[in-house]
Amino acid sequence: MSIRGAQGDSGTTSRVDAEALRSEIEAQCQSLVDAGIAFWRINDNGDAELQMVSGEAYLLGEAGVTRCR
């Protein structure tokens, strides 16, 4: 599902569509883990981070994905 496909007529994303998009993002991140190029890590705040073997780290938050390192 694309972001464009999840938007309603007003251009906003509904809560249901946002949850579907989050699930899709998590699945894509998990595919990186399955491929051996990333792993999940729990940071000091107890939040899940996607750690890439190349050193980058991404925090999956309520509002989106943030690069930490």
PDB file of N, CA and C in Angstrom:
ATOM      1  N   MET A   1       0.854  -1.176   0.000  1.00  0.00           N
ATOM      2  CA  MET A   1       0.000   0.000   0.000  1.00  0.00           C
ATOM      3  C   MET A   1       0.893   1.230   0.000  1.00  0.00           C
ATOM      4  N   SER A   2       0.607   2.168  -0.826  1.00  0.00           N
ATOM      5  CA  SER A   2       1.377   3.409  -0.853  1.00  0.00           C
ATOM      6  C   SER A   2       0.725   4.427   0.065  1.00  0.00           C
ATOM      7  N   ILE A   3       1.493   5.431   0.447  1.00  0.00           N
ATOM      8  CA  ILE A   3       0.931   6.501   1.270  1.00  0.00           C
ATOM      9  C   ILE A   3      -0.192   7.187   0.518  1.00  0.00           C
ATOM     10  N   ARG A   4      -0.005   7.401  -0.768  1.00  0.00           N
ATOM     11  CA  ARG A   4      -1.044   8.036  -1.579  1.00  0.00           C
ATOM     12  C   ARG A   4      -2.327   7.214  -1.537  1.00  0.00           C
ATOM     13  N   GLY A   5      -2.211   5.883  -1.563  1.00  0.00           N
ATOM     14  CA  GLY A   5      -3.380   5.021  -1.531  1.00  0.00           C
ATOM     15  C   GLY A   5      -4.083   5.025  -0.188  1.00  0.00           C
ATOM     16  N   ALA A   6      -3.381   5.445   0.874  1.00  0.00           N
ATOM     17  CA  ALA A   6      -3.974   5.449   2.204  1.00  0.00           C
ATOM     18  C   ALA A   6      -4.663   6.766   2.525  1.00  0.00           C
ATOM     19  N   GLN A   7      -4.517   7.761   1.681  1.00  0.00           N
ATOM     20  CA  GLN A   7      -5.101   9.061   1.958  1.00  0.00           C
ATOM     21  C   GLN A   7      -6.540   9.122   1.469  1.00  0.00           C
ATOM     22  N   GLY A   8      -7.349   9.798   2.257  1.00  0.00           N
ATOM     23  CA  GLY A   8      -8.735   9.991   1.872  1.00  0.00           C
ATOM     24  C   GLY A   8      -8.873  11.171   0.933  1.00  0.00           C
ATOM     25  N   ASP A   9     -10.110  11.558   0.664  1.00  0.00           N
ATOM     26  CA  ASP A   9     -10.372  12.668  -0.248  1.00  0.00           C
ATOM     27  C   ASP A   9      -9.785  13.983   0.256  1.00  0.00           C
ATOM     28  N   SER A  10      -9.711  14.142   1.574  1.00  0.00           N
ATOM     29  CA  SER A  10      -9.211  15.401   2.126  1.00  0.00           C
ATOM     30  C   SER A  10      -7.689  15.452   2.167  1.00  0.00           C
ATOM     31  N   GLY A  11      -7.009  14.360   1.799  1.00  0.00           N
ATOM     32  CA  GLY A  11      -5.555  14.348   1.813  1.00  0.00           C
ATOM     33  C   GLY A  11      -4.973  13.958   3.158  1.00  0.00           C
ATOM     34  N   THR A  12      -5.824  13.627   4.127  1.00  0.00           N
ATOM     35  CA  THR A  12      -5.330  13.207   5.434  1.00  0.00           C
ATOM     36  C   THR A  12      -5.397  11.691   5.535  1.00  0.00           C
ATOM     37  N   THR A  13      -4.586  11.146   6.422  1.00  0.00           N
ATOM     38  CA  THR A  13      -4.557   9.704   6.624  1.00  0.00           C
ATOM     39  C   THR A  13      -5.395   9.363   7.843  1.00  0.00           C
ATOM     40  N   SER A  14      -6.326   8.431   7.706  1.00  0.00           N
ATOM     41  CA  SER A  14      -7.164   8.034   8.829  1.00  0.00           C
ATOM     42  C   SER A  14      -6.355   7.195   9.807  1.00  0.00           C
ATOM     43  N   ARG A  15      -6.866   7.027  11.010  1.00  0.00           N
ATOM     44  CA  ARG A  15      -6.191   6.229  12.048  1.00  0.00           C
ATOM     45  C   ARG A  15      -6.016   4.791  11.582  1.00  0.00           C
ATOM     46  N   VAL A  16      -7.027   4.222  10.952  1.00  0.00           N
ATOM     47  CA  VAL A  16      -6.941   2.846  10.461  1.00  0.00           C
ATOM     48  C   VAL A  16      -5.856   2.742   9.398  1.00  0.00           C
ATOM     49  N   ASP A  17      -5.826   3.697   8.471  1.00  0.00           N
ATOM     50  CA  ASP A  17      -4.804   3.689   7.427  1.00  0.00           C
ATOM     51  C   ASP A  17      -3.419   3.903   8.023  1.00  0.00           C
ATOM     52  N   ALA A  18      -3.313   4.756   9.040  1.00  0.00           N
ATOM     53  CA  ALA A  18      -2.024   4.998   9.693  1.00  0.00           C
ATOM     54  C   ALA A  18      -1.516   3.717  10.338  1.00  0.00           C
ATOM     55  N   GLU A  19      -2.404   2.950  10.952  1.00  0.00           N
ATOM     56  CA  GLU A  19      -2.006   1.678  11.556  1.00  0.00           C
ATOM     57  C   GLU A  19      -1.560   0.687  10.487  1.00  0.00           C
ATOM     58  N   ALA A  20      -2.238   0.673   9.352  1.00  0.00           N
ATOM     59  CA  ALA A  20      -1.847  -0.212   8.253  1.00  0.00           C
ATOM     60  C   ALA A  20      -0.481   0.188   7.703  1.00  0.00           C
ATOM     61  N   LEU A  21      -0.248   1.486   7.579  1.00  0.00           N
ATOM     62  CA  LEU A  21       1.050   1.965   7.105  1.00  0.00           C
ATOM     63  C   LEU A  21       2.156   1.614   8.091  1.00  0.00           C
ATOM     64  N   ARG A  22       1.884   1.772   9.387  1.00  0.00           N
ATOM     65  CA  ARG A  22       2.876   1.419  10.408  1.00  0.00           C
ATOM     66  C   ARG A  22       3.204  -0.071  10.333  1.00  0.00           C
ATOM     67  N   SER A  23       2.194  -0.897  10.168  1.00  0.00           N
ATOM     68  CA  SER A  23       2.426  -2.338  10.041  1.00  0.00           C
ATOM     69  C   SER A  23       3.286  -2.649   8.827  1.00  0.00           C
ATOM     70  N   GLU A  24       3.049  -1.956   7.734  1.00  0.00           N
ATOM     71  CA  GLU A  24       3.837  -2.156   6.516  1.00  0.00           C
ATOM     72  C   GLU A  24       5.289  -1.729   6.733  1.00  0.00           C
ATOM     73  N   ILE A  25       5.492  -0.603   7.403  1.00  0.00           N
ATOM     74  CA  ILE A  25       6.855  -0.138   7.693  1.00  0.00           C
ATOM     75  C   ILE A  25       7.575  -1.135   8.589  1.00  0.00           C
ATOM     76  N   GLU A  26       6.891  -1.627   9.624  1.00  0.00           N
ATOM     77  CA  GLU A  26       7.492  -2.620  10.515  1.00  0.00           C
ATOM     78  C   GLU A  26       7.841  -3.895   9.753  1.00  0.00           C
ATOM     79  N   ALA A  27       6.987  -4.311   8.833  1.00  0.00           N
ATOM     80  CA  ALA A  27       7.261  -5.509   8.029  1.00  0.00           C
ATOM     81  C   ALA A  27       8.479  -5.300   7.133  1.00  0.00           C
ATOM     82  N   GLN A  28       8.600  -4.117   6.550  1.00  0.00           N
ATOM     83  CA  GLN A  28       9.765  -3.824   5.712  1.00  0.00           C
ATOM     84  C   GLN A  28      11.042  -3.799   6.549  1.00  0.00           C
ATOM     85  N   CYS A  29      10.963  -3.233   7.741  1.00  0.00           N
ATOM     86  CA  CYS A  29      12.127  -3.244   8.645  1.00  0.00           C
ATOM     87  C   CYS A  29      12.488  -4.674   9.024  1.00  0.00           C
ATOM     88  N   GLN A  30      11.494  -5.488   9.305  1.00  0.00           N
ATOM     89  CA  GLN A  30      11.754  -6.886   9.658  1.00  0.00           C
ATOM     90  C   GLN A  30      12.399  -7.622   8.495  1.00  0.00           C
ATOM     91  N   SER A  31      12.061  -7.255   7.269  1.00  0.00           N
ATOM     92  CA  SER A  31      12.695  -7.903   6.113  1.00  0.00           C
ATOM     93  C   SER A  31      14.190  -7.592   6.071  1.00  0.00           C
ATOM     94  N   LEU A  32      14.590  -6.414   6.550  1.00  0.00           N
ATOM     95  CA  LEU A  32      16.018  -6.088   6.654  1.00  0.00           C
ATOM     96  C   LEU A  32      16.691  -6.974   7.699  1.00  0.00           C
ATOM     97  N   VAL A  33      15.995  -7.218   8.807  1.00  0.00           N
ATOM     98  CA  VAL A  33      16.506  -8.117   9.847  1.00  0.00           C
ATOM     99  C   VAL A  33      16.629  -9.528   9.286  1.00  0.00           C
ATOM    100  N   ASP A  34      15.599  -9.988   8.602  1.00  0.00           N
ATOM    101  CA  ASP A  34      15.608 -11.335   8.023  1.00  0.00           C
ATOM    102  C   ASP A  34      16.728 -11.515   7.008  1.00  0.00           C
ATOM    103  N   ALA A  35      17.088 -10.431   6.316  1.00  0.00           N
ATOM    104  CA  ALA A  35      18.160 -10.480   5.317  1.00  0.00           C
ATOM    105  C   ALA A  35      19.545 -10.406   5.961  1.00  0.00           C
ATOM    106  N   GLY A  36      19.587 -10.159   7.269  1.00  0.00           N
ATOM    107  CA  GLY A  36      20.858 -10.123   7.978  1.00  0.00           C
ATOM    108  C   GLY A  36      21.591  -8.797   7.909  1.00  0.00           C
ATOM    109  N   ILE A  37      20.913  -7.735   7.494  1.00  0.00           N
ATOM    110  CA  ILE A  37      21.590  -6.438   7.394  1.00  0.00           C
ATOM    111  C   ILE A  37      21.140  -5.457   8.475  1.00  0.00           C
ATOM    112  N   ALA A  38      20.310  -5.936   9.403  1.00  0.00           N
ATOM    113  CA  ALA A  38      19.856  -5.110  10.520  1.00  0.00           C
ATOM    114  C   ALA A  38      19.425  -6.027  11.659  1.00  0.00           C
ATOM    115  N   PHE A  39      19.272  -5.432  12.844  1.00  0.00           N
ATOM    116  CA  PHE A  39      18.741  -6.176  13.982  1.00  0.00           C
ATOM    117  C   PHE A  39      17.964  -5.215  14.869  1.00  0.00           C
ATOM    118  N   TRP A  40      17.035  -5.770  15.628  1.00  0.00           N
ATOM    119  CA  TRP A  40      16.248  -4.968  16.555  1.00  0.00           C
ATOM    120  C   TRP A  40      17.022  -4.825  17.855  1.00  0.00           C
ATOM    121  N   ARG A  41      16.909  -3.673  18.488  1.00  0.00           N
ATOM    122  CA  ARG A  41      17.576  -3.400  19.754  1.00  0.00           C
ATOM    123  C   ARG A  41      16.630  -2.563  20.605  1.00  0.00           C
ATOM    124  N   ILE A  42      16.646  -2.793  21.917  1.00  0.00           N
ATOM    125  CA  ILE A  42      15.879  -1.968  22.847  1.00  0.00           C
ATOM    126  C   ILE A  42      16.830  -0.921  23.424  1.00  0.00           C
ATOM    127  N   ASN A  43      16.494   0.355  23.245  1.00  0.00           N
ATOM    128  CA  ASN A  43      17.379   1.421  23.729  1.00  0.00           C
ATOM    129  C   ASN A  43      17.176   1.654  25.227  1.00  0.00           C
ATOM    130  N   ASP A  44      17.911   2.615  25.781  1.00  0.00           N
ATOM    131  CA  ASP A  44      17.855   2.902  27.216  1.00  0.00           C
ATOM    132  C   ASP A  44      16.484   3.382  27.680  1.00  0.00           C
ATOM    133  N   ASN A  45      15.685   3.926  26.778  1.00  0.00           N
ATOM    134  CA  ASN A  45      14.327   4.375  27.112  1.00  0.00           C
ATOM    135  C   ASN A  45      13.298   3.259  26.992  1.00  0.00           C
ATOM    136  N   GLY A  46      13.730   2.074  26.559  1.00  0.00           N
ATOM    137  CA  GLY A  46      12.816   0.953  26.387  1.00  0.00           C
ATOM    138  C   GLY A  46      12.125   0.930  25.041  1.00  0.00           C
ATOM    139  N   ASP A  47      12.571   1.779  24.112  1.00  0.00           N
ATOM    140  CA  ASP A  47      11.978   1.842  22.777  1.00  0.00           C
ATOM    141  C   ASP A  47      12.744   0.942  21.813  1.00  0.00           C
ATOM    142  N   ALA A  48      12.041   0.401  20.831  1.00  0.00           N
ATOM    143  CA  ALA A  48      12.676  -0.454  19.825  1.00  0.00           C
ATOM    144  C   ALA A  48      13.366   0.397  18.772  1.00  0.00           C
ATOM    145  N   GLU A  49      14.608   0.037  18.474  1.00  0.00           N
ATOM    146  CA  GLU A  49      15.366   0.685  17.407  1.00  0.00           C
ATOM    147  C   GLU A  49      15.741  -0.371  16.384  1.00  0.00           C
ATOM    148  N   LEU A  50      15.771   0.039  15.143  1.00  0.00           N
ATOM    149  CA  LEU A  50      16.296  -0.810  14.085  1.00  0.00           C
ATOM    150  C   LEU A  50      17.745  -0.401  13.891  1.00  0.00           C
ATOM    151  N   GLN A  51      18.668  -1.313  14.195  1.00  0.00           N
ATOM    152  CA  GLN A  51      20.099  -1.043  14.087  1.00  0.00           C
ATOM    153  C   GLN A  51      20.616  -1.720  12.824  1.00  0.00           C
ATOM    154  N   MET A  52      21.170  -0.922  11.922  1.00  0.00           N
ATOM    155  CA  MET A  52      21.753  -1.460  10.694  1.00  0.00           C
ATOM    156  C   MET A  52      23.171  -1.929  10.995  1.00  0.00           C
ATOM    157  N   VAL A  53      23.635  -2.984  10.317  1.00  0.00           N
ATOM    158  CA  VAL A  53      24.995  -3.466  10.552  1.00  0.00           C
ATOM    159  C   VAL A  53      26.032  -2.437  10.124  1.00  0.00           C
ATOM    160  N   SER A  54      25.671  -1.496   9.277  1.00  0.00           N
ATOM    161  CA  SER A  54      26.585  -0.435   8.844  1.00  0.00           C
ATOM    162  C   SER A  54      26.691   0.700   9.865  1.00  0.00           C
ATOM    163  N   GLY A  55      25.872   0.661  10.933  1.00  0.00           N
ATOM    164  CA  GLY A  55      25.981   1.638  12.007  1.00  0.00           C
ATOM    165  C   GLY A  55      24.795   2.561  12.198  1.00  0.00           C
ATOM    166  N   GLU A  56      23.973   2.752  11.176  1.00  0.00           N
ATOM    167  CA  GLU A  56      22.810   3.626  11.342  1.00  0.00           C
ATOM    168  C   GLU A  56      21.809   2.976  12.296  1.00  0.00           C
ATOM    169  N   ALA A  57      21.049   3.818  12.988  1.00  0.00           N
ATOM    170  CA  ALA A  57      19.992   3.330  13.869  1.00  0.00           C
ATOM    171  C   ALA A  57      18.750   4.183  13.646  1.00  0.00           C
ATOM    172  N   TYR A  58      17.596   3.545  13.659  1.00  0.00           N
ATOM    173  CA  TYR A  58      16.322   4.220  13.418  1.00  0.00           C
ATOM    174  C   TYR A  58      15.355   3.894  14.542  1.00  0.00           C
ATOM    175  N   LEU A  59      14.700   4.921  15.055  1.00  0.00           N
ATOM    176  CA  LEU A  59      13.696   4.775  16.093  1.00  0.00           C
ATOM    177  C   LEU A  59      12.323   4.819  15.444  1.00  0.00           C
ATOM    178  N   LEU A  60      11.508   3.806  15.707  1.00  0.00           N
ATOM    179  CA  LEU A  60      10.146   3.784  15.181  1.00  0.00           C
ATOM    180  C   LEU A  60       9.218   4.372  16.235  1.00  0.00           C
ATOM    181  N   GLY A  61       8.838   5.629  16.041  1.00  0.00           N
ATOM    182  CA  GLY A  61       7.999   6.325  17.005  1.00  0.00           C
ATOM    183  C   GLY A  61       6.563   6.444  16.535  1.00  0.00           C
ATOM    184  N   GLU A  62       5.754   7.081  17.356  1.00  0.00           N
ATOM    185  CA  GLU A  62       4.340   7.269  17.030  1.00  0.00           C
ATOM    186  C   GLU A  62       4.153   8.133  15.788  1.00  0.00           C
ATOM    187  N   ALA A  63       5.012   9.124  15.605  1.00  0.00           N
ATOM    188  CA  ALA A  63       4.840  10.062  14.497  1.00  0.00           C
ATOM    189  C   ALA A  63       5.619   9.675  13.248  1.00  0.00           C
ATOM    190  N   GLY A  64       6.426   8.632  13.336  1.00  0.00           N
ATOM    191  CA  GLY A  64       7.201   8.229  12.168  1.00  0.00           C
ATOM    192  C   GLY A  64       8.513   7.587  12.552  1.00  0.00           C
ATOM    193  N   VAL A  65       9.418   7.554  11.600  1.00  0.00           N
ATOM    194  CA  VAL A  65      10.731   6.941  11.781  1.00  0.00           C
ATOM    195  C   VAL A  65      11.769   8.055  11.866  1.00  0.00           C
ATOM    196  N   THR A  66      12.636   7.967  12.873  1.00  0.00           N
ATOM    197  CA  THR A  66      13.676   8.967  13.078  1.00  0.00           C
ATOM    198  C   THR A  66      15.037   8.289  13.064  1.00  0.00           C
ATOM    199  N   ARG A  67      15.958   8.854  12.304  1.00  0.00           N
ATOM    200  CA  ARG A  67      17.320   8.321  12.317  1.00  0.00           C
ATOM    201  C   ARG A  67      18.012   8.820  13.583  1.00  0.00           C
ATOM    202  N   CYS A  68      18.546   7.884  14.365  1.00  0.00           N
ATOM    203  CA  CYS A  68      19.222   8.219  15.624  1.00  0.00           C
ATOM    204  C   CYS A  68      20.723   8.377  15.435  1.00  0.00           C
ATOM    205  N   ARG A  69      21.311   7.517  14.599  1.00  0.00           N
ATOM    206  CA  ARG A  69      22.761   7.536  14.347  1.00  0.00           C
ATOM    207  C   ARG A  69      23.009   7.319  12.887  1.00  0.00           C
TER     208      ARG A  69
END
